[in-house]
């Protein structure tokens, strides 16, 4: 039974790590897109404001993902699967 529980724990850990990695990648791409849009706005106020909003949203999203990662790591470290104690055999 311990093998099954550790397999489930490692499965969810891998899924969580994949989610964090993909989310960080998306936030970086969104920030880069906002920065590129800002640099190429050519003085257009509307485009520069949209670019600033995109960069701010990417930073906020990155902070949320990183805090979720820290919270998930904390929960994973505190909630551990402990084996069921077996009663001692008495002679």
N, C-alpha and C. Protein backbone atom coordinates (compact mmCIF):
# COMPACT_ATOMS: atom_id res chain seq x y z
N UNK A 1 0.82 -1.19 0.00
CA UNK A 1 0.00 0.00 0.00
C UNK A 1 0.86 1.26 0.00
N UNK A 2 2.01 1.19 0.64
CA UNK A 2 2.91 2.33 0.70
C UNK A 2 3.41 2.71 -0.69
N UNK A 3 3.66 1.72 -1.53
CA UNK A 3 4.11 1.98 -2.90
C UNK A 3 3.07 2.76 -3.68
N UNK A 4 1.80 2.38 -3.54
CA UNK A 4 0.71 3.06 -4.24
C UNK A 4 0.60 4.51 -3.79
N UNK A 5 0.71 4.75 -2.48
CA UNK A 5 0.59 6.11 -1.96
C UNK A 5 1.76 6.97 -2.40
N UNK A 6 2.96 6.41 -2.41
CA UNK A 6 4.11 7.19 -2.85
C UNK A 6 4.04 7.45 -4.36
N UNK A 7 3.46 6.52 -5.11
CA UNK A 7 3.30 6.73 -6.55
C UNK A 7 2.32 7.86 -6.82
N UNK A 8 1.24 7.90 -6.07
CA UNK A 8 0.26 8.98 -6.24
C UNK A 8 0.88 10.31 -5.83
N UNK A 9 1.63 10.32 -4.75
CA UNK A 9 2.27 11.55 -4.30
C UNK A 9 3.28 12.06 -5.34
N UNK A 10 4.06 11.18 -5.90
CA UNK A 10 5.03 11.61 -6.91
C UNK A 10 4.34 12.04 -8.20
N UNK A 11 3.20 11.42 -8.54
CA UNK A 11 2.44 11.82 -9.72
C UNK A 11 1.94 13.25 -9.58
N UNK A 12 1.31 13.56 -8.43
CA UNK A 12 0.79 14.91 -8.23
C UNK A 12 1.92 15.92 -8.10
N UNK A 13 3.05 15.52 -7.55
CA UNK A 13 4.21 16.40 -7.48
C UNK A 13 4.72 16.74 -8.87
N UNK A 14 4.75 15.76 -9.75
CA UNK A 14 5.21 16.00 -11.13
C UNK A 14 4.23 16.89 -11.88
N UNK A 15 2.93 16.68 -11.70
CA UNK A 15 1.93 17.52 -12.34
C UNK A 15 2.04 18.96 -11.85
N UNK A 16 2.23 19.14 -10.55
CA UNK A 16 2.35 20.47 -9.97
C UNK A 16 3.59 21.17 -10.50
N UNK A 17 4.70 20.45 -10.59
CA UNK A 17 5.94 21.04 -11.11
C UNK A 17 5.78 21.43 -12.58
N UNK A 18 5.10 20.60 -13.35
CA UNK A 18 4.85 20.91 -14.76
C UNK A 18 3.99 22.17 -14.88
N UNK A 19 2.95 22.27 -14.05
CA UNK A 19 2.08 23.45 -14.06
C UNK A 19 2.88 24.72 -13.74
N UNK A 20 3.73 24.65 -12.74
CA UNK A 20 4.52 25.82 -12.35
C UNK A 20 5.47 26.21 -13.47
N UNK A 21 6.12 25.24 -14.09
CA UNK A 21 7.06 25.52 -15.17
C UNK A 21 6.37 26.16 -16.36
N UNK A 22 5.24 25.62 -16.76
CA UNK A 22 4.50 26.18 -17.90
C UNK A 22 4.00 27.58 -17.58
N UNK A 23 3.51 27.78 -16.37
CA UNK A 23 2.99 29.09 -15.98
C UNK A 23 4.08 30.15 -15.97
N UNK A 24 5.25 29.80 -15.47
CA UNK A 24 6.37 30.76 -15.48
C UNK A 24 6.78 31.09 -16.90
N UNK A 25 6.79 30.10 -17.77
CA UNK A 25 7.14 30.33 -19.18
C UNK A 25 6.14 31.26 -19.85
N UNK A 26 4.87 31.06 -19.59
CA UNK A 26 3.83 31.92 -20.17
C UNK A 26 3.98 33.35 -19.65
N UNK A 27 4.26 33.52 -18.37
CA UNK A 27 4.42 34.86 -17.81
C UNK A 27 5.61 35.58 -18.43
N UNK A 28 6.70 34.87 -18.64
CA UNK A 28 7.89 35.48 -19.25
C UNK A 28 7.60 35.89 -20.70
N UNK A 29 6.91 35.04 -21.43
CA UNK A 29 6.57 35.36 -22.82
C UNK A 29 5.63 36.57 -22.87
N UNK A 30 4.65 36.62 -21.98
CA UNK A 30 3.74 37.77 -21.95
C UNK A 30 4.47 39.06 -21.60
N UNK A 31 5.41 38.98 -20.67
CA UNK A 31 6.18 40.17 -20.32
C UNK A 31 7.03 40.61 -21.51
N UNK A 32 7.67 39.67 -22.19
CA UNK A 32 8.49 40.01 -23.36
C UNK A 32 7.63 40.62 -24.47
N UNK A 33 6.43 40.07 -24.66
CA UNK A 33 5.52 40.63 -25.67
C UNK A 33 5.14 42.06 -25.30
N UNK A 34 4.85 42.31 -24.04
CA UNK A 34 4.51 43.67 -23.60
C UNK A 34 5.68 44.62 -23.77
N UNK A 35 6.88 44.15 -23.46
CA UNK A 35 8.06 45.00 -23.62
C UNK A 35 8.31 45.32 -25.08
N UNK A 36 8.16 44.32 -25.94
CA UNK A 36 8.35 44.55 -27.38
C UNK A 36 7.29 45.51 -27.92
N UNK A 37 6.06 45.35 -27.48
CA UNK A 37 4.99 46.25 -27.90
C UNK A 37 5.26 47.68 -27.42
N UNK A 38 5.78 47.81 -26.22
CA UNK A 38 6.08 49.12 -25.68
C UNK A 38 7.20 49.80 -26.47
N UNK A 39 8.22 49.00 -26.82
CA UNK A 39 9.35 49.57 -27.57
C UNK A 39 8.96 49.96 -28.99
N UNK A 40 7.99 49.26 -29.55
CA UNK A 40 7.59 49.55 -30.94
C UNK A 40 6.33 50.39 -31.02
N UNK A 41 5.90 50.97 -29.91
CA UNK A 41 4.66 51.76 -29.92
C UNK A 41 4.81 53.04 -30.72
N UNK A 42 6.01 53.55 -30.86
CA UNK A 42 6.24 54.73 -31.70
C UNK A 42 5.53 55.97 -31.22
N UNK A 43 5.37 56.10 -29.93
CA UNK A 43 4.71 57.28 -29.38
C UNK A 43 3.20 57.18 -29.33
N UNK A 44 2.65 56.08 -29.78
CA UNK A 44 1.21 55.87 -29.72
C UNK A 44 0.82 55.60 -28.26
N UNK A 45 0.06 56.50 -27.67
CA UNK A 45 -0.27 56.42 -26.26
C UNK A 45 -1.10 55.17 -25.95
N UNK A 46 -2.03 54.86 -26.81
CA UNK A 46 -2.90 53.69 -26.57
C UNK A 46 -2.08 52.39 -26.56
N UNK A 47 -1.17 52.23 -27.52
CA UNK A 47 -0.35 51.01 -27.57
C UNK A 47 0.61 50.94 -26.39
N UNK A 48 1.17 52.08 -25.99
CA UNK A 48 2.09 52.05 -24.85
C UNK A 48 1.36 51.74 -23.55
N UNK A 49 0.14 52.22 -23.39
CA UNK A 49 -0.64 51.90 -22.20
C UNK A 49 -1.04 50.42 -22.17
N UNK A 50 -1.41 49.88 -23.33
CA UNK A 50 -1.72 48.45 -23.40
C UNK A 50 -0.49 47.60 -23.09
N UNK A 51 0.66 48.04 -23.57
CA UNK A 51 1.90 47.30 -23.31
C UNK A 51 2.25 47.35 -21.83
N UNK A 52 2.09 48.51 -21.20
CA UNK A 52 2.35 48.63 -19.77
C UNK A 52 1.41 47.73 -18.97
N UNK A 53 0.15 47.69 -19.37
CA UNK A 53 -0.83 46.83 -18.69
C UNK A 53 -0.46 45.36 -18.86
N UNK A 54 0.00 44.98 -20.03
CA UNK A 54 0.40 43.59 -20.27
C UNK A 54 1.60 43.21 -19.42
N UNK A 55 2.58 44.12 -19.31
CA UNK A 55 3.75 43.83 -18.48
C UNK A 55 3.38 43.75 -17.01
N UNK A 56 2.48 44.62 -16.55
CA UNK A 56 2.04 44.59 -15.15
C UNK A 56 1.28 43.29 -14.87
N UNK A 57 0.42 42.89 -15.80
CA UNK A 57 -0.33 41.65 -15.61
C UNK A 57 0.61 40.44 -15.59
N UNK A 58 1.65 40.46 -16.41
CA UNK A 58 2.61 39.36 -16.43
C UNK A 58 3.37 39.28 -15.11
N UNK A 59 3.74 40.42 -14.57
CA UNK A 59 4.46 40.43 -13.29
C UNK A 59 3.55 39.95 -12.16
N UNK A 60 2.31 40.40 -12.15
CA UNK A 60 1.36 39.95 -11.12
C UNK A 60 1.12 38.45 -11.25
N UNK A 61 0.96 37.98 -12.47
CA UNK A 61 0.77 36.55 -12.69
C UNK A 61 1.97 35.74 -12.25
N UNK A 62 3.16 36.25 -12.52
CA UNK A 62 4.38 35.56 -12.10
C UNK A 62 4.47 35.50 -10.57
N UNK A 63 4.12 36.58 -9.91
CA UNK A 63 4.13 36.58 -8.44
C UNK A 63 3.11 35.60 -7.88
N UNK A 64 1.95 35.52 -8.50
CA UNK A 64 0.94 34.57 -8.05
C UNK A 64 1.41 33.13 -8.24
N UNK A 65 2.02 32.85 -9.37
CA UNK A 65 2.50 31.49 -9.64
C UNK A 65 3.62 31.12 -8.67
N UNK A 66 4.54 32.05 -8.43
CA UNK A 66 5.63 31.75 -7.50
C UNK A 66 5.13 31.55 -6.08
N UNK A 67 4.13 32.35 -5.67
CA UNK A 67 3.57 32.15 -4.33
C UNK A 67 2.80 30.84 -4.25
N UNK A 68 2.12 30.46 -5.33
CA UNK A 68 1.44 29.16 -5.34
C UNK A 68 2.45 28.02 -5.27
N UNK A 69 3.59 28.20 -5.93
CA UNK A 69 4.64 27.19 -5.87
C UNK A 69 5.21 27.06 -4.47
N UNK A 70 5.41 28.19 -3.81
CA UNK A 70 5.92 28.15 -2.44
C UNK A 70 4.90 27.53 -1.50
N UNK A 71 3.63 27.87 -1.69
CA UNK A 71 2.57 27.30 -0.86
C UNK A 71 2.46 25.80 -1.10
N UNK A 72 2.55 25.38 -2.35
CA UNK A 72 2.49 23.95 -2.66
C UNK A 72 3.66 23.18 -2.08
N UNK A 73 4.84 23.78 -2.12
CA UNK A 73 6.01 23.13 -1.53
C UNK A 73 5.87 23.02 -0.02
N UNK A 74 5.30 24.05 0.59
CA UNK A 74 5.07 24.02 2.04
C UNK A 74 4.08 22.92 2.41
N UNK A 75 2.99 22.85 1.67
CA UNK A 75 1.98 21.82 1.94
C UNK A 75 2.56 20.44 1.72
N UNK A 76 3.34 20.27 0.66
CA UNK A 76 3.92 18.96 0.37
C UNK A 76 4.91 18.54 1.47
N UNK A 77 5.63 19.51 2.02
CA UNK A 77 6.60 19.15 3.05
C UNK A 77 5.93 18.86 4.39
N UNK A 78 4.77 19.46 4.65
CA UNK A 78 4.11 19.23 5.93
C UNK A 78 3.17 18.03 5.90
N UNK A 79 2.60 17.75 4.76
CA UNK A 79 1.68 16.61 4.66
C UNK A 79 2.46 15.45 4.06
N UNK A 80 2.87 14.56 4.89
CA UNK A 80 3.61 13.40 4.41
C UNK A 80 2.79 12.15 4.67
N UNK A 81 3.01 11.16 3.85
CA UNK A 81 2.32 9.89 4.01
C UNK A 81 3.14 9.05 4.98
N UNK A 82 2.54 8.78 6.12
CA UNK A 82 3.25 7.95 7.10
C UNK A 82 2.66 6.55 7.06
N UNK A 83 3.50 5.57 7.22
CA UNK A 83 3.00 4.19 7.18
C UNK A 83 2.09 3.90 8.38
N UNK A 84 1.16 3.01 8.18
CA UNK A 84 0.24 2.60 9.25
C UNK A 84 1.03 1.75 10.24
N UNK A 85 1.01 2.14 11.51
CA UNK A 85 1.76 1.34 12.48
C UNK A 85 1.15 -0.05 12.65
N UNK A 86 1.99 -1.01 12.71
CA UNK A 86 1.51 -2.39 12.91
C UNK A 86 1.63 -2.75 14.39
N UNK A 87 0.69 -3.47 14.92
CA UNK A 87 0.78 -3.84 16.34
C UNK A 87 1.94 -4.81 16.57
N UNK A 88 2.54 -4.67 17.70
CA UNK A 88 3.67 -5.54 18.05
C UNK A 88 3.15 -6.93 18.38
N UNK A 89 3.88 -7.90 17.95
CA UNK A 89 3.50 -9.30 18.23
C UNK A 89 3.89 -9.60 19.68
N UNK A 90 2.97 -10.18 20.41
CA UNK A 90 3.26 -10.55 21.81
C UNK A 90 3.44 -12.07 21.88
N UNK A 91 4.42 -12.49 22.62
CA UNK A 91 4.65 -13.95 22.71
C UNK A 91 3.62 -14.67 23.53
